[in-house]
Amino acid sequence: MAHSRTRMSRFRFARSLTFRLSVAFLAVSLGAIVLVAVMSWLAATTEFTRFVGQQAQDDFIFFVTDYYAANASLAGVDKAIRVRVEKPIEQPVDLPRFFPFPLASPDGVVVNPNDGYPLGARVPAEQLAKGTRILQEGRVIAVLLPRPAPFPRNRAQEEFVRRTLNTLLISAGGAALLAILLGVVLARTITRPVQELTDAAQRMAKGELGQTVRVQSRDEVGELAHAFNQMSADLARSDGVRRQMTADIAHELRNPLTVIGGYLDAMRVGDLQPTRQRLDAVYDEIQHLEHIVEDLRTLSLADAGALVLQRQEISPRDVLQRVANRFAPQAGNKQIALDVQADAALPMLKLDEARLTQVLDNLVSNALQHTPEGGEIQLAARAQDDAIVFSVRDSGKGISREDMPHVFERFYRGDKARSTLEGSSGLGLAIAKALVDAHGGKIWVTSQGGQGAAFFVWLPMALNAES
C-alpha cells in the first residue's frame, strides 16, 4: 500500500507543472551550454592551430634566412632542412617543433619539396603570389609556399589543448548544475503562487468563501492572484447578499401569509364571519404577494439577461407628463405639487416605454411616500451630450449619508424616513436600477439632509438609436 502511494506521488510529481518547467529550463540551459562549449572549443582549437602554424612558419623562415646569410644562396637548403628535421637540436619541450615548409626561389623554382611541390618544379605565378616572401636586407631571397594545417605540436602545446578541453568540460558541468538549481528554484517560484491559488480555489469549491492569496509580484501571476482575490471577495459579498435576500424574501412573504392564514383559520373555525371587509383584507394581501412575486420575476430576468425590451420611439416629455397625470390624484390628496420640466424639442428615444414608465413610477411613488404635505415633486428631462437625463426631485427629509450607497439594494431598509411603506415589495429601486441597466443607462441619487432627494436616470441616445 505504501509502495503504491509512493508510485502515485511520483506519478503526480512527474505530471506537475514544477517538474515540467524544471525539465524545460534544464533542456534549454543544457542546449545553450553545449552550444557555447562546442563553439568555444572550435574557436579555441582553430585559433591555437593558427598560432602553432604561425610559430612553425616563423621558425622555418628564421632557419632559411640564417642559411642564406651563411651560404649567400639557397643551394643545398633542402638537404640542410632535412638534416634539421631528422636530427633536431636538443631544445626545451615548450619550444615549437621544426616543420619543413615547401620553399621556392624568387623566380618560382622549388628548392625544398613538400606536399606536391617536387624539387626543381616551377610554381605557377598565381600560386607563387599566394606565398610568403622571405626578405633579407630588403631583397626577396625565397618564397614560402602555402601549406594547410595541421602542424605538429610539442608536449607543452598538447598539454595546453588538453587543459583547455578539461576547463571547458568543467565549466559546462558547473553551468549545467547551476542551470538545474536555478531551474528548480525558478519553477517553484512560478508554481508556488499557482499552487496557493489552486488550494484556495479548492477550499472555495467546498463552500469556504472569502479565500485570499498573497500577491507576491506584479507580473501576470501577481495579476492573476489579485483577480482571484477580487473574485473571492465578490463571491463572498454576493453570497452574503443572496443569504440576506433569501431572509428578506422569507420575511416579506411571511407577513401577508400570516395575515391570510389568520383570517382564513378564524373563519374556518367560526371565530370570525367572512365579511366583505375581511375578505377585502385577504384579497389585498394576496395582491401584495402577487406584486412581490412579479417583482422577483422581473429581477431574475434582468439578472439572467433575459429581460425582453419592446423598443419604440417615444418623447421624453410625453412620458414624464403621462407619469405625472397618473400620480396627480395621489399628489392632490396630499397637497403635493407635481411639476414637469422638459423641453418638447428633446430628441426622441428608442426604448421600452413600459419599462421606462415602470422606473419613473417607482421613483415618483417613492418620492410621494417621503414628501410631506404641501411639498413639491419635480419631474424633469434634459439633453446632456449624447444622452437624455431624467430626474425626479422631492422636498422630503432626504437620505442619510450612511444609506446612500445602499438605496438600490434589494429589500434594503435604512433610514426610516425613506423606508418602504406597508404594502410595497421593497424592491422598487432595485427593479428601477435593473431596468435602467438593461437599457445601457445609469441611475444614481443625490441628497442633502433636510433638502430632499434627487434620482437621476441617464440613457444614451446613440445606443437607443442603434438598438
Protein backbone atom coordinates (compact mmCIF):
# COMPACT_ATOMS: atom_id res chain seq x y z
CA MET A 1 0.00 0.00 0.00
CA ALA A 2 2.79 2.36 0.96
CA HIS A 3 4.64 1.41 -2.22
CA SER A 4 1.52 2.18 -4.27
CA ARG A 5 1.15 5.60 -2.63
CA THR A 6 4.83 6.32 -3.34
CA ARG A 7 4.37 5.42 -7.01
CA MET A 8 1.26 7.58 -7.23
CA SER A 9 3.10 10.51 -5.61
CA ARG A 10 5.96 10.16 -8.09
CA PHE A 11 3.49 9.98 -10.96
CA ARG A 12 1.76 13.17 -9.83
CA PHE A 13 5.12 14.94 -9.47
CA ALA A 14 6.12 13.84 -12.97
CA ARG A 15 2.92 15.43 -14.29
CA SER A 16 3.25 18.57 -12.16
CA LEU A 17 3.96 22.00 -13.60
CA THR A 18 7.05 22.29 -11.39
CA PHE A 19 8.58 19.14 -12.90
CA ARG A 20 7.77 20.13 -16.47
CA LEU A 21 9.10 23.65 -16.01
CA SER A 22 12.29 22.31 -14.39
CA VAL A 23 12.82 19.89 -17.28
CA ALA A 24 12.14 22.66 -19.82
CA PHE A 25 14.58 25.07 -18.13
CA LEU A 26 17.18 22.30 -17.90
CA ALA A 27 16.77 21.31 -21.56
CA VAL A 28 17.10 24.91 -22.75
CA SER A 29 20.06 25.56 -20.46
CA LEU A 30 21.87 22.35 -21.45
CA GLY A 31 21.29 23.10 -25.11
CA ALA A 32 22.76 26.57 -24.68
CA ILE A 33 25.66 25.22 -22.59
CA VAL A 34 26.53 22.52 -25.14
CA LEU A 35 26.31 25.01 -27.99
CA VAL A 36 28.55 27.53 -26.21
CA ALA A 37 31.03 24.82 -25.19
CA VAL A 38 31.30 23.39 -28.73
CA MET A 39 31.63 26.84 -30.30
CA SER A 40 34.24 27.83 -27.71
CA TRP A 41 36.19 24.60 -28.30
CA LEU A 42 36.14 25.05 -32.06
CA ALA A 43 37.17 28.69 -31.80
CA ALA A 44 39.95 27.91 -29.31
CA THR A 45 41.39 24.98 -31.27
CA THR A 46 41.15 26.87 -34.57
CA GLU A 47 42.92 29.89 -33.14
CA PHE A 48 45.53 27.75 -31.39
CA THR A 49 46.19 25.80 -34.60
CA ARG A 50 46.69 29.08 -36.43
CA PHE A 51 49.06 30.22 -33.66
CA VAL A 52 51.08 26.98 -33.85
CA GLY A 53 51.26 27.25 -37.64
CA GLN A 54 52.46 30.85 -37.38
CA GLN A 55 55.17 29.82 -34.91
CA ALA A 56 56.29 26.96 -37.17
CA GLN A 57 56.38 29.31 -40.15
CA ASP A 58 58.38 31.95 -38.24
CA ASP A 59 60.85 29.30 -37.08
CA PHE A 60 61.26 27.97 -40.64
CA ILE A 61 61.76 31.49 -42.04
CA PHE A 62 64.38 32.15 -39.36
CA PHE A 63 66.22 28.95 -40.37
CA VAL A 64 66.11 29.87 -44.10
CA THR A 65 67.44 33.41 -43.55
CA ASP A 66 70.26 32.06 -41.37
CA TYR A 67 71.16 29.51 -44.06
CA TYR A 68 71.13 32.19 -46.75
CA ALA A 69 73.28 34.50 -44.65
CA ALA A 70 75.82 31.74 -44.12
CA ASN A 71 75.89 30.46 -47.71
CA ALA A 72 74.93 33.54 -49.76
CA SER A 73 72.46 31.33 -51.69
CA LEU A 74 69.78 28.66 -51.17
CA ALA A 75 71.79 25.91 -52.89
CA GLY A 76 71.52 22.74 -50.81
CA VAL A 77 68.93 24.25 -48.47
CA ASP A 78 66.71 21.19 -48.93
CA LYS A 79 69.41 18.91 -47.52
CA ALA A 80 70.03 21.23 -44.58
CA ILE A 81 66.29 21.32 -43.85
CA ARG A 82 66.11 17.50 -43.98
CA VAL A 83 69.04 17.19 -41.59
CA ARG A 84 67.36 19.72 -39.26
CA VAL A 85 64.13 17.72 -39.30
CA GLU A 86 65.78 14.29 -38.84
CA LYS A 87 68.32 15.40 -36.24
CA PRO A 88 66.76 18.22 -34.27
CA ILE A 89 68.88 20.17 -31.86
CA GLU A 90 68.16 19.39 -28.21
CA GLN A 91 65.68 22.03 -27.01
CA PRO A 92 63.14 22.57 -24.22
CA VAL A 93 59.74 20.89 -24.78
CA ASP A 94 57.93 24.23 -24.69
CA LEU A 95 59.52 25.41 -27.97
CA PRO A 96 57.71 24.64 -31.24
CA ARG A 97 58.83 21.65 -33.28
CA PHE A 98 60.64 22.36 -36.56
CA PHE A 99 58.43 21.84 -39.58
CA PRO A 100 59.61 21.91 -43.21
CA PHE A 101 57.54 24.14 -45.46
CA PRO A 102 57.68 23.96 -49.27
CA LEU A 103 60.12 26.65 -50.46
CA ALA A 104 60.69 28.25 -53.86
CA SER A 105 63.26 30.64 -55.26
CA PRO A 106 62.13 34.18 -56.19
CA ASP A 107 61.65 33.04 -59.82
CA GLY A 108 59.33 30.17 -58.73
CA VAL A 109 61.62 27.12 -58.77
CA VAL A 110 61.01 24.71 -55.84
CA VAL A 111 64.19 24.46 -53.72
CA ASN A 112 62.62 22.46 -50.84
CA PRO A 113 60.00 19.87 -51.81
CA ASN A 114 56.89 19.15 -49.72
CA ASP A 115 53.17 18.41 -50.21
CA GLY A 116 53.02 18.11 -54.01
CA TYR A 117 55.86 20.51 -54.69
CA PRO A 118 58.66 18.35 -56.25
CA LEU A 119 62.23 19.62 -56.19
CA GLY A 120 63.09 21.73 -59.22
CA ALA A 121 59.48 22.12 -60.36
CA ARG A 122 58.27 25.56 -61.36
CA VAL A 123 55.38 27.00 -59.36
CA PRO A 124 52.63 28.79 -61.34
CA ALA A 125 52.68 32.56 -60.95
CA GLU A 126 49.22 32.77 -59.33
CA GLN A 127 50.21 30.16 -56.75
CA LEU A 128 53.57 31.82 -56.17
CA ALA A 129 51.75 35.11 -55.49
CA LYS A 130 49.89 33.41 -52.59
CA GLY A 131 53.15 32.52 -50.85
CA THR A 132 55.02 34.45 -48.17
CA ARG A 133 58.09 36.35 -49.40
CA ILE A 134 61.23 35.97 -47.31
CA LEU A 135 63.30 39.17 -47.27
CA GLN A 136 66.87 39.88 -46.34
CA GLU A 137 68.14 43.42 -46.43
CA GLY A 138 65.05 44.42 -48.43
CA ARG A 139 65.62 41.80 -51.13
CA VAL A 140 63.42 38.74 -51.74
CA ILE A 141 65.58 35.64 -51.25
CA ALA A 142 62.80 33.00 -51.32
CA VAL A 143 59.05 32.41 -51.27
CA LEU A 144 57.42 30.26 -48.61
CA LEU A 145 54.66 28.33 -50.36
CA PRO A 146 51.30 27.87 -48.54
CA ARG A 147 50.62 24.57 -46.80
CA PRO A 148 47.40 23.63 -44.96
CA ALA A 149 47.30 22.57 -41.32
CA PRO A 150 47.72 20.54 -39.19
CA PHE A 151 51.11 21.39 -37.85
CA PRO A 152 52.94 19.20 -35.35
CA ARG A 153 52.67 20.20 -31.65
CA ASN A 154 55.14 19.71 -28.89
CA ARG A 155 54.26 18.32 -25.46
CA ALA A 156 53.59 21.76 -23.97
CA GLN A 157 51.18 22.59 -26.78
CA GLU A 158 49.37 19.26 -26.43
CA GLU A 159 49.09 19.85 -22.68
CA PHE A 160 47.60 23.30 -23.34
CA VAL A 161 44.96 21.79 -25.65
CA ARG A 162 44.12 19.10 -23.06
CA ARG A 163 43.80 21.63 -20.25
CA THR A 164 41.62 23.86 -22.41
CA LEU A 165 39.29 20.94 -23.10
CA ASN A 166 39.17 19.99 -19.41
CA THR A 167 38.39 23.60 -18.46
CA LEU A 168 35.53 23.74 -20.95
CA LEU A 169 34.11 20.44 -19.68
CA ILE A 170 34.33 21.54 -16.04
CA SER A 171 32.76 24.90 -16.89
CA ALA A 172 29.97 23.20 -18.83
CA GLY A 173 29.32 20.80 -15.95
CA GLY A 174 29.24 23.65 -13.44
CA ALA A 175 26.93 25.67 -15.67
CA ALA A 176 24.65 22.63 -16.08
CA LEU A 177 24.49 22.13 -12.30
CA LEU A 178 23.76 25.83 -11.80
CA ALA A 179 21.09 25.63 -14.51
CA ILE A 180 19.44 22.73 -12.69
CA LEU A 181 19.40 24.60 -9.38
CA LEU A 182 18.16 27.85 -10.92
CA GLY A 183 15.58 25.96 -12.99
CA VAL A 184 14.15 24.24 -9.92
CA VAL A 185 14.13 27.50 -7.93
CA LEU A 186 12.54 29.44 -10.78
CA ALA A 187 9.97 26.71 -11.42
CA ARG A 188 8.99 26.64 -7.75
CA THR A 189 8.84 30.44 -7.69
CA ILE A 190 6.35 30.33 -10.55
CA THR A 191 4.32 27.34 -9.38
CA ARG A 192 4.12 28.16 -5.66
CA PRO A 193 1.60 31.00 -6.13
CA VAL A 194 -0.26 28.85 -8.67
CA GLN A 195 -0.46 26.06 -6.08
CA GLU A 196 -1.71 28.56 -3.50
CA LEU A 197 -4.39 29.66 -5.97
CA THR A 198 -5.35 26.03 -6.57
CA ASP A 199 -5.63 25.30 -2.84
CA ALA A 200 -7.71 28.43 -2.27
CA ALA A 201 -9.97 27.57 -5.22
CA GLN A 202 -10.48 24.05 -3.88
CA ARG A 203 -11.44 25.44 -0.47
CA MET A 204 -13.89 27.79 -2.16
CA ALA A 205 -15.35 24.82 -4.06
CA LYS A 206 -16.07 23.25 -0.66
CA GLY A 207 -18.02 26.34 0.37
CA GLU A 208 -15.29 28.24 2.24
CA LEU A 209 -15.80 31.58 0.52
CA GLY A 210 -13.71 34.68 1.10
CA GLN A 211 -10.36 32.95 0.46
CA THR A 212 -7.39 35.21 -0.34
CA VAL A 213 -3.86 34.54 -1.55
CA ARG A 214 -0.72 36.62 -1.25
CA VAL A 215 0.14 38.87 -4.18
CA GLN A 216 3.90 38.34 -4.37
CA SER A 217 4.72 40.03 -7.68
CA ARG A 218 3.47 42.50 -10.26
CA ASP A 219 3.72 40.15 -13.23
CA GLU A 220 0.99 38.02 -14.83
CA VAL A 221 0.92 35.63 -11.85
CA GLY A 222 0.54 38.58 -9.48
CA GLU A 223 -2.29 39.96 -11.61
CA LEU A 224 -3.94 36.52 -11.50
CA ALA A 225 -3.67 36.45 -7.70
CA HIS A 226 -5.14 39.96 -7.48
CA ALA A 227 -8.00 38.96 -9.80
CA PHE A 228 -8.62 35.84 -7.71
CA ASN A 229 -8.78 37.88 -4.50
CA GLN A 230 -11.22 40.27 -6.14
CA MET A 231 -13.33 37.40 -7.41
CA SER A 232 -13.28 35.73 -3.99
CA ALA A 233 -14.37 38.95 -2.28
CA ASP A 234 -17.13 39.46 -4.84
CA LEU A 235 -18.35 35.89 -4.40
CA ALA A 236 -18.36 36.24 -0.63
CA ARG A 237 -20.22 39.52 -0.89
CA SER A 238 -22.69 38.05 -3.40
CA ASP A 239 -23.24 35.06 -1.14
CA GLY A 240 -23.93 37.39 1.76
CA VAL A 241 -26.35 39.40 -0.37
CA ARG A 242 -28.05 36.18 -1.51
CA ARG A 243 -28.44 34.94 2.04
CA GLN A 244 -29.75 38.31 3.15
CA MET A 245 -32.13 38.48 0.20
CA THR A 246 -33.41 34.97 0.96
CA ALA A 247 -34.08 36.02 4.53
CA ASP A 248 -35.75 39.24 3.33
CA ILE A 249 -37.91 37.35 0.84
CA ALA A 250 -38.98 34.94 3.57
CA HIS A 251 -39.81 37.90 5.81
CA GLU A 252 -41.74 39.70 3.07
CA LEU A 253 -43.74 36.58 2.23
CA ARG A 254 -44.34 35.64 5.85
CA ASN A 255 -46.28 38.80 6.74
CA PRO A 256 -49.06 38.55 4.10
CA LEU A 257 -49.24 34.78 4.50
CA THR A 258 -49.64 35.21 8.26
CA VAL A 259 -52.47 37.68 7.73
CA ILE A 260 -54.18 35.45 5.13
CA GLY A 261 -53.70 32.35 7.26
CA GLY A 262 -55.01 34.08 10.37
CA TYR A 263 -58.19 35.31 8.70
CA LEU A 264 -58.91 32.02 6.96
CA ASP A 265 -58.26 29.94 10.07
CA ALA A 266 -60.54 32.17 12.16
CA MET A 267 -63.25 31.96 9.51
CA ARG A 268 -62.80 28.18 9.21
CA VAL A 269 -63.37 27.52 12.92
CA GLY A 270 -66.16 30.09 13.13
CA ASP A 271 -64.43 32.70 15.28
CA LEU A 272 -64.89 35.30 12.54
CA GLN A 273 -67.54 35.74 9.93
CA PRO A 274 -66.47 36.19 6.27
CA THR A 275 -67.48 39.79 5.93
CA ARG A 276 -66.73 41.96 2.86
CA GLN A 277 -64.16 43.96 4.84
CA ARG A 278 -62.31 40.83 5.98
CA LEU A 279 -62.35 39.30 2.51
CA ASP A 280 -61.03 42.56 1.09
CA ALA A 281 -58.15 42.40 3.60
CA VAL A 282 -57.35 38.85 2.49
CA TYR A 283 -57.55 39.90 -1.17
CA ASP A 284 -55.21 42.85 -0.57
CA GLU A 285 -52.62 40.54 0.98
CA ILE A 286 -52.93 38.18 -1.99
CA GLN A 287 -52.39 41.13 -4.32
CA HIS A 288 -49.35 42.09 -2.26
CA LEU A 289 -47.95 38.55 -2.67
CA GLU A 290 -48.50 38.68 -6.42
CA HIS A 291 -46.72 42.04 -6.52
CA ILE A 292 -43.70 40.61 -4.67
CA VAL A 293 -43.58 37.54 -6.93
CA GLU A 294 -43.79 39.68 -10.09
CA ASP A 295 -41.03 41.97 -8.84
CA LEU A 296 -38.82 38.99 -8.06
CA ARG A 297 -39.52 37.57 -11.52
CA THR A 298 -38.53 40.87 -13.14
CA LEU A 299 -35.27 40.94 -11.17
CA SER A 300 -34.47 37.32 -12.00
CA LEU A 301 -34.99 38.00 -15.73
CA ALA A 302 -32.75 41.07 -15.51
CA ASP A 303 -30.05 39.12 -13.65
CA ALA A 304 -30.15 36.38 -16.30
CA GLY A 305 -30.03 38.90 -19.17
CA ALA A 306 -33.36 37.53 -20.41
CA LEU A 307 -35.38 40.70 -19.93
CA VAL A 308 -37.13 41.39 -23.25
CA LEU A 309 -37.34 45.08 -24.22
CA GLN A 310 -40.02 46.24 -26.65
CA ARG A 311 -38.31 49.32 -28.05
CA GLN A 312 -40.19 52.12 -29.75
CA GLU A 313 -39.66 55.82 -30.32
CA ILE A 314 -41.01 57.98 -27.51
CA SER A 315 -40.91 61.61 -26.46
CA PRO A 316 -39.21 62.18 -23.08
CA ARG A 317 -41.63 65.00 -22.24
CA ASP A 318 -44.71 62.90 -23.10
CA VAL A 319 -43.53 60.05 -20.87
CA LEU A 320 -43.00 62.40 -17.93
CA GLN A 321 -46.38 64.04 -18.49
CA ARG A 322 -48.20 60.70 -18.52
CA VAL A 323 -46.47 59.65 -15.30
CA ALA A 324 -47.40 62.97 -13.66
CA ASN A 325 -51.02 62.63 -14.77
CA ARG A 326 -51.23 59.13 -13.33
CA PHE A 327 -49.98 60.23 -9.89
CA ALA A 328 -51.86 63.56 -9.86
CA PRO A 329 -54.77 62.25 -7.71
CA GLN A 330 -52.42 60.87 -5.05
CA ALA A 331 -50.39 64.06 -5.05
CA GLY A 332 -53.57 66.14 -4.81
CA ASN A 333 -54.76 64.16 -1.78
CA LYS A 334 -51.51 65.05 -0.01
CA GLN A 335 -51.46 68.60 -1.41
CA ILE A 336 -48.15 67.89 -3.16
CA ALA A 337 -47.35 69.81 -6.35
CA LEU A 338 -46.23 67.73 -9.35
CA ASP A 339 -44.17 69.82 -11.76
CA VAL A 340 -42.95 68.63 -15.18
CA GLN A 341 -39.99 70.44 -16.72
CA ALA A 342 -38.95 69.09 -20.12
CA ASP A 343 -38.47 70.74 -23.49
CA ALA A 344 -40.84 69.41 -26.15
CA ALA A 345 -37.94 69.63 -28.65
CA LEU A 346 -35.89 66.99 -26.84
CA PRO A 347 -34.68 64.17 -29.15
CA MET A 348 -36.81 61.05 -29.44
CA LEU A 349 -35.62 57.93 -27.64
CA LYS A 350 -36.00 54.38 -28.87
CA LEU A 351 -36.63 52.28 -25.78
CA ASP A 352 -39.20 50.20 -23.94
CA GLU A 353 -41.77 52.77 -22.83
CA ALA A 354 -43.46 50.38 -20.40
CA ARG A 355 -40.15 49.64 -18.66
CA LEU A 356 -39.13 53.31 -18.53
CA THR A 357 -42.56 54.16 -17.16
CA GLN A 358 -42.10 51.46 -14.53
CA VAL A 359 -38.78 53.08 -13.50
CA LEU A 360 -40.33 56.55 -13.25
CA ASP A 361 -43.41 55.16 -11.45
CA ASN A 362 -41.18 53.63 -8.81
CA LEU A 363 -39.26 56.88 -8.36
CA VAL A 364 -42.38 59.08 -8.19
CA SER A 365 -44.14 56.62 -5.87
CA ASN A 366 -41.09 56.60 -3.63
CA ALA A 367 -41.00 60.42 -3.68
CA LEU A 368 -44.70 60.65 -2.75
CA GLN A 369 -44.11 58.38 0.23
CA HIS A 370 -41.44 60.67 1.64
CA THR A 371 -42.67 64.15 0.68
CA PRO A 372 -44.72 65.90 3.38
CA GLU A 373 -48.00 67.67 2.71
CA GLY A 374 -47.54 70.95 0.90
CA GLY A 375 -44.26 69.71 -0.63
CA GLU A 376 -43.20 69.51 -4.26
CA ILE A 377 -42.01 66.81 -6.66
CA GLN A 378 -40.30 67.86 -9.87
CA LEU A 379 -40.08 65.58 -12.93
CA ALA A 380 -37.56 66.78 -15.49
CA ALA A 381 -35.66 65.71 -18.61
CA ARG A 382 -32.73 67.38 -20.32
CA ALA A 383 -30.20 66.64 -23.03
CA GLN A 384 -26.60 66.05 -21.94
CA ASP A 385 -24.08 65.40 -24.68
CA ASP A 386 -25.33 62.23 -26.40
CA ALA A 387 -27.77 61.26 -23.67
CA ILE A 388 -31.08 62.20 -22.05
CA VAL A 389 -31.10 62.60 -18.26
CA PHE A 390 -34.41 62.13 -16.44
CA SER A 391 -34.68 63.33 -12.85
CA VAL A 392 -37.22 63.05 -10.02
CA ARG A 393 -36.70 65.52 -7.14
CA ASP A 394 -38.68 65.73 -3.93
CA SER A 395 -38.70 68.12 -0.96
CA GLY A 396 -38.75 65.44 1.70
CA LYS A 397 -36.39 64.77 4.56
CA GLY A 398 -33.69 63.33 2.32
CA ILE A 399 -31.45 60.28 2.63
CA SER A 400 -28.74 59.89 5.23
CA ARG A 401 -25.14 59.60 4.08
CA GLU A 402 -24.91 56.09 5.55
CA ASP A 403 -27.87 54.87 3.48
CA MET A 404 -26.86 56.47 0.17
CA PRO A 405 -24.64 53.56 -1.06
CA HIS A 406 -27.37 51.00 -0.33
CA VAL A 407 -30.60 52.55 -1.64
CA PHE A 408 -30.62 50.35 -4.77
CA GLU A 409 -30.05 47.10 -2.87
CA ARG A 410 -32.89 44.63 -2.68
CA PHE A 411 -35.04 44.79 0.45
CA TYR A 412 -32.69 47.35 1.97
CA ARG A 413 -34.14 49.11 4.99
CA GLY A 414 -32.04 52.03 6.09
CA ASP A 415 -33.22 55.49 7.01
CA LYS A 416 -36.70 55.16 8.50
CA ALA A 417 -37.62 58.40 6.82
CA ARG A 418 -37.30 56.59 3.45
CA SER A 419 -38.30 53.03 4.41
CA THR A 420 -40.75 51.15 2.27
CA LEU A 421 -44.41 51.66 3.05
CA GLU A 422 -46.59 48.77 4.08
CA GLY A 423 -47.94 47.05 1.02
CA SER A 424 -44.93 47.60 -1.24
CA SER A 425 -42.43 44.89 -2.07
CA GLY A 426 -39.28 46.74 -1.05
CA LEU A 427 -37.82 46.04 -4.49
CA GLY A 428 -38.82 49.21 -6.34
CA LEU A 429 -35.42 50.90 -6.53
CA ALA A 430 -33.64 47.59 -7.21
CA ILE A 431 -36.01 46.97 -10.13
CA ALA A 432 -35.51 50.52 -11.38
CA LYS A 433 -31.75 50.00 -11.46
CA ALA A 434 -32.10 46.63 -13.24
CA LEU A 435 -34.34 48.14 -15.92
CA VAL A 436 -32.06 51.12 -16.46
CA ASP A 437 -29.04 48.81 -16.73
CA ALA A 438 -30.91 46.72 -19.31
CA HIS A 439 -31.23 49.87 -21.45
CA GLY A 440 -27.50 50.55 -21.18
CA GLY A 441 -28.05 53.51 -18.86
CA LYS A 442 -27.15 54.58 -15.34
CA ILE A 443 -29.15 55.55 -12.27
CA TRP A 444 -27.95 57.38 -9.18
CA VAL A 445 -29.20 59.52 -6.31
CA THR A 446 -28.07 62.70 -4.59
CA SER A 447 -29.36 64.05 -1.31
CA GLN A 448 -28.58 66.56 1.40
CA GLY A 449 -30.02 66.27 4.86
CA GLY A 450 -33.37 68.07 5.15
CA GLN A 451 -33.38 69.15 1.49
CA GLY A 452 -34.98 66.16 -0.18
CA ALA A 453 -33.50 63.69 -2.65
CA ALA A 454 -32.97 63.65 -6.39
CA PHE A 455 -32.87 60.48 -8.52
CA PHE A 456 -31.28 60.66 -11.98
CA VAL A 457 -31.67 58.28 -14.92
CA TRP A 458 -29.09 58.62 -17.71
CA LEU A 459 -29.96 56.99 -21.06
CA PRO A 460 -27.58 57.23 -24.05
CA MET A 461 -29.19 58.40 -27.28
CA ALA A 462 -26.66 56.65 -29.55
CA LEU A 463 -27.29 53.23 -28.02
CA ASN A 464 -31.05 53.72 -28.12
CA ALA A 465 -30.93 54.88 -31.71
CA GLU A 466 -28.94 51.82 -32.83
CA SER A 467 -30.96 49.27 -30.87
